[in-house]
Amino acid sequence: MQEHISYVDGRRIHYREGGEGSPVLLIHGLSGSGRWWLQNIDYLARSHHVYVIDLVGFGRSRRQHFYLTQAAPLIAKWMEQIGIDAATLIGHSMGGFISIDLAACFPAKVERLVVVDAPALPLERSRAKTAVRLARALMEMPRPFLPILFGDGLQAGPRTVYSAAHELMHSDISYKIGLVRAPTLVVWGDHDWLVPLSMGVRIYDRLPNAEFVVIDHAGHNPMWDRADRFNEIVEHFIQHGSLPPCAQ
């Protein structure tokens, strides 16, 4: 994978790219970085040109203020700048929120959309309940992932993480979900304590052209918890626009 830095509207964007084939863009979640896709990049890069972005304020794009409402337009401009006419977007958690926003507002940029455990509808805002959900989610995360999770959070810093979380909790793009025209795959872990499976069902119900799959024995990060299963399902969807027979 080759590493690059681009500047869009004065914002620094770090990304990696590699592989041959149709473009696929991976967008990480809150407090994360492109490292959250380490279990998926090589597999997808066998058939696609994969771009792995660090959102502004996170990863190697850190030390900049993150604005959730600006993320989708900024990524669309970045795609234009580096010559991506359209791509399959795969967004996890907050990255899924951003991907839905981008697909709704910039439909020509999105060939297919994969939404992974994304809080795209309003969540319970109680701090106590959120803390409980977070604690349970952390308890079920695989140990090899924890150094990446905490390391990326420390890199971003508490101010950026808190600000992004606050904006995410108080944003509502539910009205945009029905505007998405790209074929969409909604992926959810069956043991996601952070963003409940019921939200995945509600998102799927609002999408005009979608498939829905639940990955067994996976939590909030199915692309890591069950990487082989996730990769197989997503690759088939990118190639055929449908679920593989084993997932139907």
Protein backbone atom coordinates (compact mmCIF):
# COMPACT_ATOMS: atom_id res chain seq x y z
CA MET A 1 0.00 0.00 0.00
CA GLN A 2 1.30 3.45 -0.91
CA GLU A 3 0.82 6.32 1.54
CA HIS A 4 -0.18 9.82 0.47
CA ILE A 5 -1.24 13.15 1.92
CA SER A 6 -3.70 15.45 0.14
CA TYR A 7 -4.94 18.90 1.08
CA VAL A 8 -8.58 19.74 0.48
CA ASP A 9 -9.95 23.14 1.51
CA GLY A 10 -6.90 23.51 3.73
CA ARG A 11 -7.54 20.20 5.52
CA ARG A 12 -4.86 17.51 5.53
CA ILE A 13 -6.05 14.03 4.52
CA HIS A 14 -3.81 11.00 4.91
CA TYR A 15 -4.69 7.91 2.92
CA ARG A 16 -3.26 4.66 1.62
CA GLU A 17 -4.02 2.96 -1.67
CA GLY A 18 -3.20 -0.29 -3.38
CA GLY A 19 -4.54 -3.09 -5.53
CA GLU A 20 -5.97 -3.28 -9.03
CA GLY A 21 -9.56 -3.05 -10.15
CA SER A 22 -12.66 -1.05 -9.34
CA PRO A 23 -12.21 1.60 -6.62
CA VAL A 24 -13.25 0.77 -3.05
CA LEU A 25 -13.06 3.38 -0.29
CA LEU A 26 -12.91 2.32 3.38
CA ILE A 27 -14.10 4.88 5.96
CA HIS A 28 -13.42 4.16 9.64
CA GLY A 29 -15.50 5.05 12.67
CA LEU A 30 -15.30 7.28 15.73
CA SER A 31 -11.84 7.48 17.38
CA GLY A 32 -10.48 5.15 14.72
CA SER A 33 -8.13 5.21 11.75
CA GLY A 34 -7.47 3.25 8.61
CA ARG A 35 -5.89 0.58 10.82
CA TRP A 36 -9.37 -0.64 11.69
CA TRP A 37 -9.46 -2.25 8.24
CA LEU A 38 -6.23 -4.24 8.58
CA GLN A 39 -8.14 -7.54 8.39
CA ASN A 40 -9.85 -6.54 5.13
CA ILE A 41 -7.45 -4.49 3.01
CA ASP A 42 -5.36 -7.31 1.52
CA TYR A 43 -8.41 -9.41 0.69
CA LEU A 44 -10.23 -6.58 -1.08
CA ALA A 45 -7.05 -5.39 -2.83
CA ARG A 46 -6.85 -8.69 -4.72
CA SER A 47 -9.75 -7.54 -6.91
CA HIS A 48 -10.05 -3.80 -6.31
CA HIS A 49 -8.09 -0.59 -6.03
CA VAL A 50 -8.54 0.05 -2.32
CA TYR A 51 -8.33 3.48 -0.70
CA VAL A 52 -8.08 3.67 3.08
CA ILE A 53 -8.66 7.15 4.46
CA ASP A 54 -7.91 8.67 7.85
CA LEU A 55 -10.73 11.09 8.58
CA VAL A 56 -9.71 14.65 9.44
CA GLY A 57 -8.83 14.73 13.14
CA PHE A 58 -8.00 11.02 13.35
CA GLY A 59 -5.10 8.69 12.58
CA ARG A 60 -2.41 10.41 10.56
CA SER A 61 -4.87 13.19 9.69
CA ARG A 62 -4.95 14.17 13.38
CA ARG A 63 -4.38 17.57 15.05
CA GLN A 64 -7.22 19.13 13.07
CA HIS A 65 -10.76 19.81 14.19
CA PHE A 66 -13.31 17.27 13.01
CA TYR A 67 -16.74 18.45 11.84
CA LEU A 68 -19.19 15.65 11.13
CA THR A 69 -21.35 17.80 8.84
CA GLN A 70 -18.31 18.61 6.68
CA ALA A 71 -17.00 15.06 6.37
CA ALA A 72 -19.06 13.87 3.39
CA PRO A 73 -18.56 17.01 1.25
CA LEU A 74 -14.84 16.96 2.06
CA ILE A 75 -14.49 13.32 1.01
CA ALA A 76 -16.42 14.00 -2.20
CA LYS A 77 -14.00 16.85 -3.01
CA TRP A 78 -11.04 14.64 -2.13
CA MET A 79 -12.33 11.93 -4.48
CA GLU A 80 -12.63 14.49 -7.26
CA GLN A 81 -9.15 15.82 -6.55
CA ILE A 82 -7.36 12.46 -6.74
CA GLY A 83 -9.38 11.24 -9.72
CA ILE A 84 -11.94 8.83 -8.25
CA ASP A 85 -15.05 9.29 -10.39
CA ALA A 86 -17.12 6.84 -8.35
CA ALA A 87 -16.40 4.07 -5.86
CA THR A 88 -17.87 1.46 -3.60
CA LEU A 89 -18.01 3.03 -0.14
CA ILE A 90 -17.62 0.83 2.93
CA GLY A 91 -18.28 2.78 6.11
CA HIS A 92 -18.13 1.47 9.66
CA SER A 93 -20.00 3.07 12.58
CA MET A 94 -19.53 6.85 12.24
CA GLY A 95 -17.94 6.10 8.86
CA GLY A 96 -21.22 4.47 7.86
CA PHE A 97 -23.09 7.60 8.92
CA ILE A 98 -20.74 9.65 6.71
CA SER A 99 -21.08 7.18 3.83
CA ILE A 100 -24.87 7.43 3.88
CA ASP A 101 -24.60 11.22 3.90
CA LEU A 102 -22.22 11.12 0.94
CA ALA A 103 -24.34 8.64 -1.03
CA ALA A 104 -27.47 10.76 -0.49
CA CYS A 105 -25.88 14.11 -1.34
CA PHE A 106 -23.37 13.02 -4.01
CA PRO A 107 -25.04 10.01 -5.68
CA ALA A 108 -22.78 10.07 -8.74
CA LYS A 109 -19.80 9.34 -6.49
CA VAL A 110 -21.16 6.07 -5.09
CA GLU A 111 -21.50 2.90 -7.16
CA ARG A 112 -22.31 0.65 -4.23
CA LEU A 113 -22.60 1.28 -0.51
CA VAL A 114 -21.79 -0.98 2.44
CA VAL A 115 -23.02 0.27 5.83
CA VAL A 116 -21.51 -1.51 8.84
CA ASP A 117 -23.04 -1.13 12.34
CA ALA A 118 -23.70 2.56 11.73
CA PRO A 119 -25.63 4.90 14.09
CA ALA A 120 -27.49 6.55 11.23
CA LEU A 121 -30.66 7.00 13.27
CA PRO A 122 -30.92 8.82 16.62
CA LEU A 123 -29.53 6.86 19.57
CA GLU A 124 -30.45 6.97 23.25
CA ARG A 125 -28.68 10.08 24.59
CA SER A 126 -28.50 9.01 28.22
CA ARG A 127 -24.85 9.13 29.28
CA ALA A 128 -25.38 6.32 31.77
CA LYS A 129 -26.93 4.00 29.19
CA THR A 130 -24.28 4.92 26.63
CA ALA A 131 -21.54 4.11 29.15
CA VAL A 132 -23.09 0.71 29.84
CA ARG A 133 -23.34 -0.08 26.12
CA LEU A 134 -19.73 1.01 25.59
CA ALA A 135 -18.48 -1.12 28.49
CA ARG A 136 -20.24 -4.21 27.18
CA ALA A 137 -18.94 -3.57 23.66
CA LEU A 138 -15.37 -3.25 24.95
CA MET A 139 -15.67 -6.50 26.89
CA GLU A 140 -16.53 -8.40 23.71
CA MET A 141 -13.88 -6.90 21.44
CA PRO A 142 -11.04 -9.28 20.47
CA ARG A 143 -7.86 -8.64 22.43
CA PRO A 144 -5.63 -8.04 19.37
CA PHE A 145 -7.91 -5.14 18.40
CA LEU A 146 -7.73 -3.33 21.76
CA PRO A 147 -4.23 -1.79 21.29
CA ILE A 148 -5.40 -0.35 17.97
CA LEU A 149 -8.62 0.96 19.51
CA PHE A 150 -6.93 2.67 22.44
CA GLY A 151 -3.90 3.78 20.43
CA ASP A 152 -6.05 5.50 17.83
CA GLY A 153 -8.15 7.13 20.54
CA LEU A 154 -5.03 8.52 22.20
CA GLN A 155 -3.72 9.79 18.87
CA ALA A 156 -6.94 11.65 18.15
CA GLY A 157 -7.08 13.01 21.69
CA PRO A 158 -9.99 13.31 24.11
CA ARG A 159 -11.18 16.66 22.77
CA THR A 160 -11.58 15.38 19.21
CA VAL A 161 -13.19 12.12 20.32
CA TYR A 162 -15.64 13.86 22.66
CA SER A 163 -16.52 16.54 20.11
CA ALA A 164 -17.13 13.97 17.36
CA ALA A 165 -19.17 11.76 19.69
CA HIS A 166 -21.29 14.71 20.81
CA GLU A 167 -21.94 15.78 17.23
CA LEU A 168 -22.78 12.21 16.22
CA MET A 169 -25.22 11.80 19.12
CA HIS A 170 -27.00 15.04 18.21
CA SER A 171 -27.10 14.64 14.42
CA ASP A 172 -29.97 13.18 12.44
CA ILE A 173 -29.67 12.07 8.83
CA SER A 174 -32.66 9.74 8.97
CA TYR A 175 -34.38 11.77 6.24
CA LYS A 176 -31.41 11.16 3.92
CA ILE A 177 -31.47 7.37 4.11
CA GLY A 178 -34.37 7.13 1.67
CA LEU A 179 -32.48 9.34 -0.80
CA VAL A 180 -29.70 6.77 -1.27
CA ARG A 181 -30.00 5.28 -4.75
CA ALA A 182 -26.87 3.13 -4.83
CA PRO A 183 -27.31 -0.60 -4.20
CA THR A 184 -26.63 -0.94 -0.49
CA LEU A 185 -25.56 -3.73 1.83
CA VAL A 186 -26.31 -3.29 5.53
CA VAL A 187 -24.01 -5.44 7.69
CA TRP A 188 -24.50 -5.90 11.45
CA GLY A 189 -22.90 -7.95 14.19
CA ASP A 190 -25.43 -10.00 16.11
CA HIS A 191 -23.83 -8.99 19.44
CA ASP A 192 -23.38 -5.26 18.88
CA TRP A 193 -23.98 -3.74 22.31
CA LEU A 194 -23.02 -0.25 21.14
CA VAL A 195 -25.37 0.22 18.18
CA PRO A 196 -28.19 -2.32 18.47
CA LEU A 197 -29.21 -4.68 15.71
CA SER A 198 -32.68 -3.13 15.73
CA MET A 199 -31.16 0.05 14.27
CA GLY A 200 -29.73 -1.97 11.39
CA VAL A 201 -33.20 -3.31 10.65
CA ARG A 202 -34.68 0.20 10.70
CA ILE A 203 -31.98 1.53 8.37
CA TYR A 204 -32.55 -1.37 5.98
CA ASP A 205 -36.30 -0.73 5.96
CA ARG A 206 -35.73 2.88 4.85
CA LEU A 207 -33.34 2.08 2.01
CA PRO A 208 -34.94 1.72 -1.44
CA ASN A 209 -32.43 -0.82 -2.82
CA ALA A 210 -30.74 -2.83 -0.09
CA GLU A 211 -29.63 -6.19 1.22
CA PHE A 212 -29.27 -6.98 4.92
CA VAL A 213 -27.02 -9.50 6.61
CA VAL A 214 -26.34 -10.31 10.25
CA ILE A 215 -22.92 -11.77 11.04
CA ASP A 216 -23.06 -14.31 13.84
CA HIS A 217 -20.66 -14.14 16.78
CA ALA A 218 -19.66 -10.56 15.95
CA GLY A 219 -19.96 -7.33 17.90
CA HIS A 220 -19.67 -3.71 16.81
CA ASN A 221 -16.68 -4.48 14.56
CA PRO A 222 -17.68 -7.47 12.39
CA MET A 223 -14.95 -6.62 9.87
CA TRP A 224 -12.50 -7.56 12.63
CA ASP A 225 -14.47 -10.06 14.75
CA ARG A 226 -15.37 -12.26 11.76
CA ALA A 227 -13.04 -10.93 9.09
CA ASP A 228 -13.20 -13.96 6.78
CA ARG A 229 -16.99 -13.99 6.80
CA PHE A 230 -17.19 -10.22 6.38
CA ASN A 231 -14.72 -10.20 3.49
CA GLU A 232 -16.52 -12.98 1.62
CA ILE A 233 -19.92 -11.32 1.92
CA VAL A 234 -18.72 -7.83 1.02
CA GLU A 235 -16.65 -9.02 -1.95
CA HIS A 236 -19.62 -10.90 -3.39
CA PHE A 237 -21.83 -7.85 -2.97
CA ILE A 238 -19.31 -5.58 -4.71
CA GLN A 239 -19.02 -8.01 -7.62
CA HIS A 240 -22.68 -9.01 -7.99
CA GLY A 241 -24.81 -6.53 -6.02
CA SER A 242 -26.27 -9.36 -3.96
CA LEU A 243 -25.55 -11.64 -1.03
CA PRO A 244 -23.68 -14.91 -1.58
CA PRO A 245 -25.95 -17.97 -1.37
CA CYS A 246 -24.47 -18.96 2.00
CA ALA A 247 -25.63 -15.63 3.51
CA GLN A 248 -29.17 -15.57 2.15
